[in-house]
């Protein structure tokens, strides 16, 4: 590696790579990955043979070099890089230089039916996965698009395949239906399916449709409204409660006390998007206050930095967060 000062006071550094094939994967089609790094960090990168030439100021080159070498190591380990991975990698390394990308990206949770490896994409997601492995009850709180439910689903399917649990139970509050569920047209399945559709979508992304249907027919995988959990004891199960901010305090207590032996529960939600009627307190918010400090229960908090959807989603979250905080402050409410 060679580093020298250019005429206009910017630094130039050359990085040589031994395997041209791996370098091509790192750079992406038509250098698409390199262009993302250039744009996000603010330096220029050119390629020549098995060499990359970095040009920028000291900290830009230091950051880009660390990022590029870590990405190259991922490629050598068989990790299939996508543009979104480059975006996440830049964000991770920029935030914390001590983080090792291989510790995050190479910790595979599950290989889906489409042969796609499901892994963490941010440091918080990696922490979340470890927490699910190590705790019996995990609360995941944060904005939409941070992978809270998707990763929990992947962990559940992996646990089922490894025979760590005998069944998966996926629950969600049907808030909009409320007590009027019986007045909706159609049979019970037709009434509740619209509220459970996101859970079905995530499930079918990981398990072949026919296999998933067979498992649901046998009761190995169950997708149901939260209200249907009452009176049950769930042993040897991986239980996921999605959109938990829409559970009332009574429903949350009911759900948490369903957990039986050899079971895990993951509760996901975004406390900034509660759809409960006025005057109804969120059971998720109450649980955060009541259960903090209890051994065996973990709370994982996601932020806008963990959003793994379109980059504009982060900006949208920021805009709404700013508005909500201003409103809460003006109303004298406590902010989390």
C-alpha atoms as a PDB file:
ATOM      1  CA  UNK A   1       0.000   0.000   0.000  1.00  0.00           C
ATOM      2  CA  UNK A   2       1.309   3.404  -0.948  1.00  0.00           C
ATOM      3  CA  UNK A   3       0.264   6.768   0.401  1.00  0.00           C
ATOM      4  CA  UNK A   4       1.454  10.146  -0.871  1.00  0.00           C
ATOM      5  CA  UNK A   5       0.502  13.817  -0.911  1.00  0.00           C
ATOM      6  CA  UNK A   6      -0.902  15.214  -4.173  1.00  0.00           C
ATOM      7  CA  UNK A   7      -0.357  18.703  -5.503  1.00  0.00           C
ATOM      8  CA  UNK A   8      -3.612  20.164  -4.228  1.00  0.00           C
ATOM      9  CA  UNK A   9      -3.036  18.984  -0.623  1.00  0.00           C
ATOM     10  CA  UNK A  10      -5.335  15.934  -0.876  1.00  0.00           C
ATOM     11  CA  UNK A  11      -3.891  12.520  -0.112  1.00  0.00           C
ATOM     12  CA  UNK A  12      -3.658   9.599  -2.512  1.00  0.00           C
ATOM     13  CA  UNK A  13      -3.454   5.987  -1.406  1.00  0.00           C
ATOM     14  CA  UNK A  14      -3.116   2.845  -3.498  1.00  0.00           C
ATOM     15  CA  UNK A  15      -4.431  -0.512  -2.291  1.00  0.00           C
ATOM     16  CA  UNK A  16      -3.339  -3.671  -4.092  1.00  0.00           C
ATOM     17  CA  UNK A  17      -5.430  -6.854  -4.108  1.00  0.00           C
ATOM     18  CA  UNK A  18      -4.206 -10.358  -4.914  1.00  0.00           C
ATOM     19  CA  UNK A  19      -7.419 -11.819  -6.350  1.00  0.00           C
ATOM     20  CA  UNK A  20      -8.954  -9.960  -9.287  1.00  0.00           C
ATOM     21  CA  UNK A  21     -12.179 -12.013  -9.125  1.00  0.00           C
ATOM     22  CA  UNK A  22     -12.893 -10.953  -5.543  1.00  0.00           C
ATOM     23  CA  UNK A  23     -12.063  -7.333  -6.347  1.00  0.00           C
ATOM     24  CA  UNK A  24     -14.626  -7.342  -9.173  1.00  0.00           C
ATOM     25  CA  UNK A  25     -17.327  -8.535  -6.780  1.00  0.00           C
ATOM     26  CA  UNK A  26     -16.278  -5.881  -4.271  1.00  0.00           C
ATOM     27  CA  UNK A  27     -16.463  -3.115  -6.866  1.00  0.00           C
ATOM     28  CA  UNK A  28     -19.845  -4.259  -8.211  1.00  0.00           C
ATOM     29  CA  UNK A  29     -21.201  -4.029 -11.738  1.00  0.00           C
ATOM     30  CA  UNK A  30     -19.786  -0.955 -13.446  1.00  0.00           C
ATOM     31  CA  UNK A  31     -18.182  -0.023 -10.104  1.00  0.00           C
ATOM     32  CA  UNK A  32     -21.630   0.518  -8.564  1.00  0.00           C
ATOM     33  CA  UNK A  33     -20.424  -0.408  -5.064  1.00  0.00           C
ATOM     34  CA  UNK A  34     -17.413   1.879  -5.318  1.00  0.00           C
ATOM     35  CA  UNK A  35     -19.646   4.757  -6.403  1.00  0.00           C
ATOM     36  CA  UNK A  36     -21.756   4.323  -3.258  1.00  0.00           C
ATOM     37  CA  UNK A  37     -18.634   4.465  -1.077  1.00  0.00           C
ATOM     38  CA  UNK A  38     -17.452   7.589  -2.931  1.00  0.00           C
ATOM     39  CA  UNK A  39     -20.788   9.318  -2.481  1.00  0.00           C
ATOM     40  CA  UNK A  40     -21.289   8.399   1.175  1.00  0.00           C
ATOM     41  CA  UNK A  41     -17.750   9.161   2.362  1.00  0.00           C
ATOM     42  CA  UNK A  42     -16.921  12.003  -0.013  1.00  0.00           C
ATOM     43  CA  UNK A  43     -13.660  10.892  -1.624  1.00  0.00           C
ATOM     44  CA  UNK A  44     -12.792   9.661  -5.122  1.00  0.00           C
ATOM     45  CA  UNK A  45     -11.855   6.052  -5.924  1.00  0.00           C
ATOM     46  CA  UNK A  46     -10.499   4.780  -9.222  1.00  0.00           C
ATOM     47  CA  UNK A  47      -9.498   1.262 -10.228  1.00  0.00           C
ATOM     48  CA  UNK A  48      -6.595  -0.008 -12.310  1.00  0.00           C
ATOM     49  CA  UNK A  49      -6.101  -3.755 -12.674  1.00  0.00           C
ATOM     50  CA  UNK A  50      -5.952  -5.229  -9.205  1.00  0.00           C
ATOM     51  CA  UNK A  51      -5.452  -1.809  -7.637  1.00  0.00           C
ATOM     52  CA  UNK A  52      -7.793   0.764  -6.117  1.00  0.00           C
ATOM     53  CA  UNK A  53      -6.625   4.360  -5.857  1.00  0.00           C
ATOM     54  CA  UNK A  54      -8.189   6.465  -3.081  1.00  0.00           C
ATOM     55  CA  UNK A  55      -8.001  10.224  -3.140  1.00  0.00           C
ATOM     56  CA  UNK A  56      -9.283  12.471  -0.344  1.00  0.00           C
ATOM     57  CA  UNK A  57      -8.354  13.884   3.025  1.00  0.00           C
ATOM     58  CA  UNK A  58      -6.818  11.854   5.843  1.00  0.00           C
ATOM     59  CA  UNK A  59      -9.955  10.678   7.643  1.00  0.00           C
ATOM     60  CA  UNK A  60     -11.811   9.928   4.387  1.00  0.00           C
ATOM     61  CA  UNK A  61      -9.017   7.672   3.185  1.00  0.00           C
ATOM     62  CA  UNK A  62      -8.665   5.987   6.575  1.00  0.00           C
ATOM     63  CA  UNK A  63     -12.396   5.272   6.737  1.00  0.00           C
ATOM     64  CA  UNK A  64     -12.650   4.107   3.112  1.00  0.00           C
ATOM     65  CA  UNK A  65      -9.618   1.848   3.439  1.00  0.00           C
ATOM     66  CA  UNK A  66     -10.986   0.160   6.549  1.00  0.00           C
ATOM     67  CA  UNK A  67     -14.370  -0.286   4.896  1.00  0.00           C
ATOM     68  CA  UNK A  68     -12.972  -1.629   1.623  1.00  0.00           C
ATOM     69  CA  UNK A  69     -10.647  -4.138   3.292  1.00  0.00           C
ATOM     70  CA  UNK A  70     -13.471  -5.438   5.470  1.00  0.00           C
ATOM     71  CA  UNK A  71     -15.799  -5.747   2.469  1.00  0.00           C
ATOM     72  CA  UNK A  72     -13.071  -7.582   0.571  1.00  0.00           C
ATOM     73  CA  UNK A  73     -12.785 -10.032   3.469  1.00  0.00           C
ATOM     74  CA  UNK A  74     -16.551 -10.620   3.330  1.00  0.00           C
ATOM     75  CA  UNK A  75     -16.356 -11.368  -0.393  1.00  0.00           C
ATOM     76  CA  UNK A  76     -13.518 -13.835   0.175  1.00  0.00           C
ATOM     77  CA  UNK A  77     -15.728 -15.600   2.702  1.00  0.00           C
ATOM     78  CA  UNK A  78     -18.434 -16.047   0.080  1.00  0.00           C
ATOM     79  CA  UNK A  79     -20.747 -13.248   1.205  1.00  0.00           C
ATOM     80  CA  UNK A  80     -22.862 -11.991  -1.754  1.00  0.00           C
ATOM     81  CA  UNK A  81     -22.598  -8.202  -1.648  1.00  0.00           C
ATOM     82  CA  UNK A  82     -25.561  -6.075  -2.725  1.00  0.00           C
ATOM     83  CA  UNK A  83     -25.733  -2.269  -2.988  1.00  0.00           C
ATOM     84  CA  UNK A  84     -27.847  -2.137   0.190  1.00  0.00           C
ATOM     85  CA  UNK A  85     -25.078  -4.020   2.011  1.00  0.00           C
ATOM     86  CA  UNK A  86     -22.605  -1.324   0.977  1.00  0.00           C
ATOM     87  CA  UNK A  87     -24.964   1.365   2.306  1.00  0.00           C
ATOM     88  CA  UNK A  88     -25.298  -0.429   5.647  1.00  0.00           C
ATOM     89  CA  UNK A  89     -21.562  -1.136   5.849  1.00  0.00           C
ATOM     90  CA  UNK A  90     -20.669   2.534   5.310  1.00  0.00           C
ATOM     91  CA  UNK A  91     -23.116   3.550   8.016  1.00  0.00           C
ATOM     92  CA  UNK A  92     -21.805   0.942  10.488  1.00  0.00           C
ATOM     93  CA  UNK A  93     -18.101   1.671  10.028  1.00  0.00           C
ATOM     94  CA  UNK A  94     -18.662   5.452   9.979  1.00  0.00           C
ATOM     95  CA  UNK A  95     -20.466   5.230  13.313  1.00  0.00           C
ATOM     96  CA  UNK A  96     -17.997   2.894  15.035  1.00  0.00           C
ATOM     97  CA  UNK A  97     -14.567   2.083  13.601  1.00  0.00           C
ATOM     98  CA  UNK A  98     -14.094  -0.785  16.084  1.00  0.00           C
ATOM     99  CA  UNK A  99     -17.010  -2.796  14.671  1.00  0.00           C
ATOM    100  CA  UNK A 100     -16.021  -5.770  12.513  1.00  0.00           C
ATOM    101  CA  UNK A 101     -18.352  -6.233   9.556  1.00  0.00           C
ATOM    102  CA  UNK A 102     -17.684  -9.982   9.418  1.00  0.00           C
ATOM    103  CA  UNK A 103     -19.055 -10.366  12.947  1.00  0.00           C
ATOM    104  CA  UNK A 104     -22.331  -8.880  11.733  1.00  0.00           C
ATOM    105  CA  UNK A 105     -22.750 -10.030   8.136  1.00  0.00           C
ATOM    106  CA  UNK A 106     -21.325 -13.551   8.435  1.00  0.00           C
ATOM    107  CA  UNK A 107     -23.526 -14.556  11.371  1.00  0.00           C
ATOM    108  CA  UNK A 108     -26.259 -16.212   9.318  1.00  0.00           C
ATOM    109  CA  UNK A 109     -29.598 -16.760  11.030  1.00  0.00           C
ATOM    110  CA  UNK A 110     -31.322 -18.839   8.398  1.00  0.00           C
ATOM    111  CA  UNK A 111     -31.206 -19.811   4.711  1.00  0.00           C
ATOM    112  CA  UNK A 112     -34.628 -19.161   3.213  1.00  0.00           C
ATOM    113  CA  UNK A 113     -36.547 -21.379   0.793  1.00  0.00           C
ATOM    114  CA  UNK A 114     -35.276 -19.084  -1.948  1.00  0.00           C
ATOM    115  CA  UNK A 115     -31.691 -19.942  -0.885  1.00  0.00           C
ATOM    116  CA  UNK A 116     -31.165 -16.412   0.384  1.00  0.00           C
ATOM    117  CA  UNK A 117     -29.030 -16.105   3.479  1.00  0.00           C
ATOM    118  CA  UNK A 118     -30.699 -14.069   6.221  1.00  0.00           C
ATOM    119  CA  UNK A 119     -28.224 -12.185   8.382  1.00  0.00           C
ATOM    120  CA  UNK A 120     -28.006  -9.024  10.436  1.00  0.00           C
ATOM    121  CA  UNK A 121     -27.414  -5.833   8.490  1.00  0.00           C
ATOM    122  CA  UNK A 122     -26.660  -3.458  11.365  1.00  0.00           C
ATOM    123  CA  UNK A 123     -24.878  -3.666  14.714  1.00  0.00           C
ATOM    124  CA  UNK A 124     -28.209  -3.425  16.562  1.00  0.00           C
ATOM    125  CA  UNK A 125     -29.657  -6.257  14.480  1.00  0.00           C
ATOM    126  CA  UNK A 126     -26.649  -8.380  15.411  1.00  0.00           C
ATOM    127  CA  UNK A 127     -27.221  -7.521  19.092  1.00  0.00           C
ATOM    128  CA  UNK A 128     -30.910  -8.387  18.659  1.00  0.00           C
ATOM    129  CA  UNK A 129     -30.088 -11.831  17.259  1.00  0.00           C
ATOM    130  CA  UNK A 130     -27.732 -12.530  20.153  1.00  0.00           C
ATOM    131  CA  UNK A 131     -30.372 -11.370  22.639  1.00  0.00           C
ATOM    132  CA  UNK A 132     -32.960 -13.737  21.167  1.00  0.00           C
ATOM    133  CA  UNK A 133     -30.452 -16.561  21.493  1.00  0.00           C
ATOM    134  CA  UNK A 134     -29.670 -15.756  25.102  1.00  0.00           C
ATOM    135  CA  UNK A 135     -32.956 -14.532  26.627  1.00  0.00           C
ATOM    136  CA  UNK A 136     -36.373 -16.188  26.953  1.00  0.00           C
ATOM    137  CA  UNK A 137     -38.291 -12.923  26.489  1.00  0.00           C
ATOM    138  CA  UNK A 138     -37.043 -10.158  24.200  1.00  0.00           C
ATOM    139  CA  UNK A 139     -38.753  -6.837  23.517  1.00  0.00           C
ATOM    140  CA  UNK A 140     -37.740  -5.130  20.270  1.00  0.00           C
ATOM    141  CA  UNK A 141     -38.694  -1.456  20.113  1.00  0.00           C
ATOM    142  CA  UNK A 142     -38.090   0.830  17.175  1.00  0.00           C
ATOM    143  CA  UNK A 143     -39.361   2.290  13.906  1.00  0.00           C
ATOM    144  CA  UNK A 144     -40.700   0.375  10.933  1.00  0.00           C
ATOM    145  CA  UNK A 145     -38.184  -1.141   8.556  1.00  0.00           C
ATOM    146  CA  UNK A 146     -35.578  -2.111  11.152  1.00  0.00           C
ATOM    147  CA  UNK A 147     -36.106  -5.873  10.755  1.00  0.00           C
ATOM    148  CA  UNK A 148     -37.648  -6.464  14.179  1.00  0.00           C
ATOM    149  CA  UNK A 149     -40.314  -8.909  13.051  1.00  0.00           C
ATOM    150  CA  UNK A 150     -38.451 -10.326  10.051  1.00  0.00           C
ATOM    151  CA  UNK A 151     -35.399 -11.383  12.058  1.00  0.00           C
ATOM    152  CA  UNK A 152     -37.566 -12.763  14.857  1.00  0.00           C
ATOM    153  CA  UNK A 153     -39.400 -14.837  12.249  1.00  0.00           C
ATOM    154  CA  UNK A 154     -36.092 -16.098  10.834  1.00  0.00           C
ATOM    155  CA  UNK A 155     -34.923 -17.073  14.324  1.00  0.00           C
ATOM    156  CA  UNK A 156     -38.228 -18.867  14.925  1.00  0.00           C
ATOM    157  CA  UNK A 157     -38.028 -20.865  11.684  1.00  0.00           C
ATOM    158  CA  UNK A 158     -34.389 -21.762  12.396  1.00  0.00           C
ATOM    159  CA  UNK A 159     -35.336 -22.940  15.912  1.00  0.00           C
ATOM    160  CA  UNK A 160     -38.127 -25.089  14.464  1.00  0.00           C
ATOM    161  CA  UNK A 161     -35.834 -26.679  11.878  1.00  0.00           C
ATOM    162  CA  UNK A 162     -33.222 -27.423  14.544  1.00  0.00           C
ATOM    163  CA  UNK A 163     -36.006 -28.921  16.716  1.00  0.00           C
ATOM    164  CA  UNK A 164     -35.338 -26.448  19.523  1.00  0.00           C
ATOM    165  CA  UNK A 165     -39.102 -25.797  19.581  1.00  0.00           C
ATOM    166  CA  UNK A 166     -42.085 -27.825  18.409  1.00  0.00           C
ATOM    167  CA  UNK A 167     -44.152 -24.968  17.041  1.00  0.00           C
ATOM    168  CA  UNK A 168     -44.222 -21.306  16.088  1.00  0.00           C
ATOM    169  CA  UNK A 169     -47.032 -19.015  17.198  1.00  0.00           C
ATOM    170  CA  UNK A 170     -47.374 -15.627  15.488  1.00  0.00           C
ATOM    171  CA  UNK A 171     -49.803 -13.137  17.005  1.00  0.00           C
ATOM    172  CA  UNK A 172     -50.904  -9.606  16.219  1.00  0.00           C
ATOM    173  CA  UNK A 173     -53.526  -7.285  17.719  1.00  0.00           C
ATOM    174  CA  UNK A 174     -56.486  -6.696  15.388  1.00  0.00           C
ATOM    175  CA  UNK A 175     -56.967  -3.175  16.702  1.00  0.00           C
ATOM    176  CA  UNK A 176     -59.168  -1.790  13.958  1.00  0.00           C
ATOM    177  CA  UNK A 177     -61.659  -4.642  14.354  1.00  0.00           C
ATOM    178  CA  UNK A 178     -61.824  -4.309  18.144  1.00  0.00           C
ATOM    179  CA  UNK A 179     -64.969  -5.790  19.671  1.00  0.00           C
ATOM    180  CA  UNK A 180     -66.779  -5.470  16.334  1.00  0.00           C
ATOM    181  CA  UNK A 181     -65.035  -8.466  14.769  1.00  0.00           C
ATOM    182  CA  UNK A 182     -68.293 -10.413  14.665  1.00  0.00           C
ATOM    183  CA  UNK A 183     -69.949  -7.759  12.530  1.00  0.00           C
ATOM    184  CA  UNK A 184     -67.385  -8.036   9.739  1.00  0.00           C
ATOM    185  CA  UNK A 185     -68.432 -10.069   6.661  1.00  0.00           C
ATOM    186  CA  UNK A 186     -67.088 -13.577   6.020  1.00  0.00           C
ATOM    187  CA  UNK A 187     -65.940 -16.425   8.222  1.00  0.00           C
ATOM    188  CA  UNK A 188     -63.414 -16.039  11.040  1.00  0.00           C
ATOM    189  CA  UNK A 189     -60.401 -16.501   8.742  1.00  0.00           C
ATOM    190  CA  UNK A 190     -61.643 -13.854   6.304  1.00  0.00           C
ATOM    191  CA  UNK A 191     -62.254 -11.419   9.159  1.00  0.00           C
ATOM    192  CA  UNK A 192     -58.809 -11.568  10.731  1.00  0.00           C
ATOM    193  CA  UNK A 193     -56.553 -12.306   7.746  1.00  0.00           C
ATOM    194  CA  UNK A 194     -56.097  -8.634   6.718  1.00  0.00           C
ATOM    195  CA  UNK A 195     -54.540  -7.895  10.113  1.00  0.00           C
ATOM    196  CA  UNK A 196     -52.246 -10.925   9.920  1.00  0.00           C
ATOM    197  CA  UNK A 197     -51.136 -10.483   6.299  1.00  0.00           C
ATOM    198  CA  UNK A 198     -47.696  -9.009   7.162  1.00  0.00           C
ATOM    199  CA  UNK A 199     -46.904 -12.100   9.247  1.00  0.00           C
ATOM    200  CA  UNK A 200     -47.928 -14.416   6.405  1.00  0.00           C
ATOM    201  CA  UNK A 201     -45.776 -12.399   3.984  1.00  0.00           C
ATOM    202  CA  UNK A 202     -42.678 -12.724   6.159  1.00  0.00           C
ATOM    203  CA  UNK A 203     -43.325 -16.433   6.706  1.00  0.00           C
ATOM    204  CA  UNK A 204     -43.724 -17.190   3.006  1.00  0.00           C
ATOM    205  CA  UNK A 205     -40.508 -15.315   2.294  1.00  0.00           C
ATOM    206  CA  UNK A 206     -38.649 -17.921   4.363  1.00  0.00           C
ATOM    207  CA  UNK A 207     -40.640 -21.128   3.945  1.00  0.00           C
ATOM    208  CA  UNK A 208     -41.927 -22.577   0.671  1.00  0.00           C
ATOM    209  CA  UNK A 209     -45.630 -21.794   0.315  1.00  0.00           C
ATOM    210  CA  UNK A 210     -46.739 -25.436   0.193  1.00  0.00           C
ATOM    211  CA  UNK A 211     -44.521 -26.355   3.155  1.00  0.00           C
ATOM    212  CA  UNK A 212     -45.845 -23.404   5.160  1.00  0.00           C
ATOM    213  CA  UNK A 213     -49.436 -24.351   4.355  1.00  0.00           C
ATOM    214  CA  UNK A 214     -48.785 -27.939   5.436  1.00  0.00           C
ATOM    215  CA  UNK A 215     -47.179 -26.803   8.705  1.00  0.00           C
ATOM    216  CA  UNK A 216     -50.120 -24.495   9.410  1.00  0.00           C
ATOM    217  CA  UNK A 217     -52.624 -27.269   8.719  1.00  0.00           C
ATOM    218  CA  UNK A 218     -50.798 -29.455  11.238  1.00  0.00           C
ATOM    219  CA  UNK A 219     -50.730 -26.647  13.799  1.00  0.00           C
ATOM    220  CA  UNK A 220     -46.911 -26.504  13.807  1.00  0.00           C
ATOM    221  CA  UNK A 221     -47.103 -22.882  12.667  1.00  0.00           C
ATOM    222  CA  UNK A 222     -50.031 -20.823  13.900  1.00  0.00           C
ATOM    223  CA  UNK A 223     -50.929 -17.272  12.910  1.00  0.00           C
ATOM    224  CA  UNK A 224     -53.670 -15.772  15.056  1.00  0.00           C
ATOM    225  CA  UNK A 225     -55.048 -12.540  16.506  1.00  0.00           C
ATOM    226  CA  UNK A 226     -53.732 -11.707  19.965  1.00  0.00           C
ATOM    227  CA  UNK A 227     -57.180 -12.118  21.526  1.00  0.00           C
ATOM    228  CA  UNK A 228     -57.100 -15.824  20.636  1.00  0.00           C
ATOM    229  CA  UNK A 229     -54.146 -16.419  23.005  1.00  0.00           C
ATOM    230  CA  UNK A 230     -56.349 -16.128  26.086  1.00  0.00           C
ATOM    231  CA  UNK A 231     -56.526 -19.226  28.289  1.00  0.00           C
ATOM    232  CA  UNK A 232     -53.657 -21.039  26.595  1.00  0.00           C
ATOM    233  CA  UNK A 233     -50.260 -22.236  27.826  1.00  0.00           C
ATOM    234  CA  UNK A 234     -47.587 -22.309  25.142  1.00  0.00           C
ATOM    235  CA  UNK A 235     -44.903 -24.928  25.852  1.00  0.00           C
ATOM    236  CA  UNK A 236     -41.983 -25.746  23.512  1.00  0.00           C
ATOM    237  CA  UNK A 237     -42.951 -22.775  21.373  1.00  0.00           C
ATOM    238  CA  UNK A 238     -41.370 -19.759  19.719  1.00  0.00           C
ATOM    239  CA  UNK A 239     -43.961 -17.012  20.142  1.00  0.00           C
ATOM    240  CA  UNK A 240     -43.866 -13.665  18.340  1.00  0.00           C
ATOM    241  CA  UNK A 241     -46.171 -10.753  19.139  1.00  0.00           C
ATOM    242  CA  UNK A 242     -45.999  -8.202  16.336  1.00  0.00           C
ATOM    243  CA  UNK A 243     -47.233  -4.575  16.477  1.00  0.00           C
ATOM    244  CA  UNK A 244     -47.327  -4.881  20.266  1.00  0.00           C
ATOM    245  CA  UNK A 245     -47.825  -1.128  20.710  1.00  0.00           C
ATOM    246  CA  UNK A 246     -51.453  -1.833  19.760  1.00  0.00           C
ATOM    247  CA  UNK A 247     -51.958  -4.307  22.605  1.00  0.00           C
ATOM    248  CA  UNK A 248     -53.743  -2.979  25.662  1.00  0.00           C
ATOM    249  CA  UNK A 249     -52.189  -3.364  29.106  1.00  0.00           C
ATOM    250  CA  UNK A 250     -54.581  -6.259  29.823  1.00  0.00           C
ATOM    251  CA  UNK A 251     -53.739  -7.995  26.558  1.00  0.00           C
ATOM    252  CA  UNK A 252     -49.999  -7.632  27.141  1.00  0.00           C
ATOM    253  CA  UNK A 253     -50.273  -9.192  30.599  1.00  0.00           C
ATOM    254  CA  UNK A 254     -52.379 -11.992  29.145  1.00  0.00           C
ATOM    255  CA  UNK A 255     -49.864 -12.647  26.365  1.00  0.00           C
ATOM    256  CA  UNK A 256     -46.770 -12.645  28.577  1.00  0.00           C
ATOM    257  CA  UNK A 257     -48.363 -15.078  31.035  1.00  0.00           C
ATOM    258  CA  UNK A 258     -49.069 -17.593  28.236  1.00  0.00           C
ATOM    259  CA  UNK A 259     -45.385 -18.524  28.024  1.00  0.00           C
ATOM    260  CA  UNK A 260     -44.754 -22.120  29.089  1.00  0.00           C
ATOM    261  CA  UNK A 261     -41.698 -24.322  29.540  1.00  0.00           C
ATOM    262  CA  UNK A 262     -38.930 -24.430  26.899  1.00  0.00           C
ATOM    263  CA  UNK A 263     -40.424 -21.456  25.075  1.00  0.00           C
ATOM    264  CA  UNK A 264     -39.240 -18.090  23.802  1.00  0.00           C
ATOM    265  CA  UNK A 265     -41.233 -14.925  23.230  1.00  0.00           C
ATOM    266  CA  UNK A 266     -40.285 -11.946  21.073  1.00  0.00           C
ATOM    267  CA  UNK A 267     -42.441  -8.831  21.338  1.00  0.00           C
ATOM    268  CA  UNK A 268     -41.976  -6.195  18.632  1.00  0.00           C
ATOM    269  CA  UNK A 269     -43.444  -2.737  18.308  1.00  0.00           C
ATOM    270  CA  UNK A 270     -43.043   0.958  17.643  1.00  0.00           C
ATOM    271  CA  UNK A 271     -44.281   3.042  20.573  1.00  0.00           C
ATOM    272  CA  UNK A 272     -44.530   6.115  18.308  1.00  0.00           C
ATOM    273  CA  UNK A 273     -47.261   4.522  16.171  1.00  0.00           C
ATOM    274  CA  UNK A 274     -49.955   3.394  18.584  1.00  0.00           C
ATOM    275  CA  UNK A 275     -53.382   2.920  16.988  1.00  0.00           C
ATOM    276  CA  UNK A 276     -55.292   2.318  20.213  1.00  0.00           C
ATOM    277  CA  UNK A 277     -58.427   4.410  20.853  1.00  0.00           C
ATOM    278  CA  UNK A 278     -58.089   7.560  22.938  1.00  0.00           C
ATOM    279  CA  UNK A 279     -57.910   6.742  26.619  1.00  0.00           C
ATOM    280  CA  UNK A 280     -56.436   3.271  26.086  1.00  0.00           C
ATOM    281  CA  UNK A 281     -52.838   2.908  27.281  1.00  0.00           C
ATOM    282  CA  UNK A 282     -50.371   0.817  25.252  1.00  0.00           C
ATOM    283  CA  UNK A 283     -49.447  -2.438  26.946  1.00  0.00           C
ATOM    284  CA  UNK A 284     -46.024  -2.230  25.330  1.00  0.00           C
ATOM    285  CA  UNK A 285     -45.255   1.132  26.934  1.00  0.00           C
ATOM    286  CA  UNK A 286     -46.402  -0.170  30.320  1.00  0.00           C
ATOM    287  CA  UNK A 287     -44.320  -3.342  29.952  1.00  0.00           C
ATOM    288  CA  UNK A 288     -41.188  -1.303  29.278  1.00  0.00           C
ATOM    289  CA  UNK A 289     -41.639   0.389  32.635  1.00  0.00           C
ATOM    290  CA  UNK A 290     -42.817  -2.602  34.685  1.00  0.00           C
ATOM    291  CA  UNK A 291     -40.461  -5.329  33.484  1.00  0.00           C
ATOM    292  CA  UNK A 292     -37.183  -3.457  33.221  1.00  0.00           C
ATOM    293  CA  UNK A 293     -34.523  -5.112  35.362  1.00  0.00           C
ATOM    294  CA  UNK A 294     -36.141  -8.553  35.521  1.00  0.00           C
ATOM    295  CA  UNK A 295     -33.556 -11.253  34.852  1.00  0.00           C
ATOM    296  CA  UNK A 296     -34.274 -13.226  31.692  1.00  0.00           C
ATOM    297  CA  UNK A 297     -36.038 -10.338  29.938  1.00  0.00           C
ATOM    298  CA  UNK A 298     -34.177  -8.204  27.412  1.00  0.00           C
ATOM    299  CA  UNK A 299     -35.028  -4.903  25.713  1.00  0.00           C
ATOM    300  CA  UNK A 300     -33.445  -4.139  22.350  1.00  0.00           C
ATOM    301  CA  UNK A 301     -33.907  -0.614  21.002  1.00  0.00           C
ATOM    302  CA  UNK A 302     -33.644   0.161  17.284  1.00  0.00           C
ATOM    303  CA  UNK A 303     -33.195   3.602  15.755  1.00  0.00           C
ATOM    304  CA  UNK A 304     -33.412   5.202  12.328  1.00  0.00           C
ATOM    305  CA  UNK A 305     -29.835   3.996  11.710  1.00  0.00           C
ATOM    306  CA  UNK A 306     -31.154   0.427  11.656  1.00  0.00           C
ATOM    307  CA  UNK A 307     -33.730   0.995   8.912  1.00  0.00           C
ATOM    308  CA  UNK A 308     -33.038  -1.487   6.118  1.00  0.00           C
ATOM    309  CA  UNK A 309     -35.612  -0.242   3.639  1.00  0.00           C
ATOM    310  CA  UNK A 310     -35.324   2.499   1.040  1.00  0.00           C
ATOM    311  CA  UNK A 311     -32.966   5.300   2.246  1.00  0.00           C
ATOM    312  CA  UNK A 312     -35.871   7.769   2.108  1.00  0.00           C
ATOM    313  CA  UNK A 313     -37.591   5.819   4.900  1.00  0.00           C
ATOM    314  CA  UNK A 314     -34.946   7.131   7.324  1.00  0.00           C
ATOM    315  CA  UNK A 315     -35.671  10.714   6.357  1.00  0.00           C
ATOM    316  CA  UNK A 316     -39.408  10.144   6.701  1.00  0.00           C
ATOM    317  CA  UNK A 317     -38.907   8.681  10.197  1.00  0.00           C
ATOM    318  CA  UNK A 318     -36.754  11.657  11.179  1.00  0.00           C
ATOM    319  CA  UNK A 319     -39.392  14.131   9.995  1.00  0.00           C
ATOM    320  CA  UNK A 320     -42.179  12.446  11.958  1.00  0.00           C
ATOM    321  CA  UNK A 321     -39.996  11.928  15.039  1.00  0.00           C
ATOM    322  CA  UNK A 322     -39.198  15.639  15.093  1.00  0.00           C
ATOM    323  CA  UNK A 323     -42.866  16.543  14.876  1.00  0.00           C
ATOM    324  CA  UNK A 324     -43.855  14.003  17.587  1.00  0.00           C
ATOM    325  CA  UNK A 325     -41.170  15.202  20.003  1.00  0.00           C
ATOM    326  CA  UNK A 326     -42.204  18.830  19.550  1.00  0.00           C
ATOM    327  CA  UNK A 327     -45.836  17.888  20.200  1.00  0.00           C
ATOM    328  CA  UNK A 328     -44.954  15.798  23.278  1.00  0.00           C
ATOM    329  CA  UNK A 329     -42.836  18.586  24.727  1.00  0.00           C
ATOM    330  CA  UNK A 330     -45.607  21.122  24.198  1.00  0.00           C
ATOM    331  CA  UNK A 331     -48.095  18.721  25.860  1.00  0.00           C
ATOM    332  CA  UNK A 332     -45.724  18.022  28.756  1.00  0.00           C
ATOM    333  CA  UNK A 333     -45.490  14.326  27.904  1.00  0.00           C
ATOM    334  CA  UNK A 334     -42.539  12.082  28.697  1.00  0.00           C
ATOM    335  CA  UNK A 335     -40.428  11.181  25.640  1.00  0.00           C
ATOM    336  CA  UNK A 336     -38.611   7.867  25.273  1.00  0.00           C
END
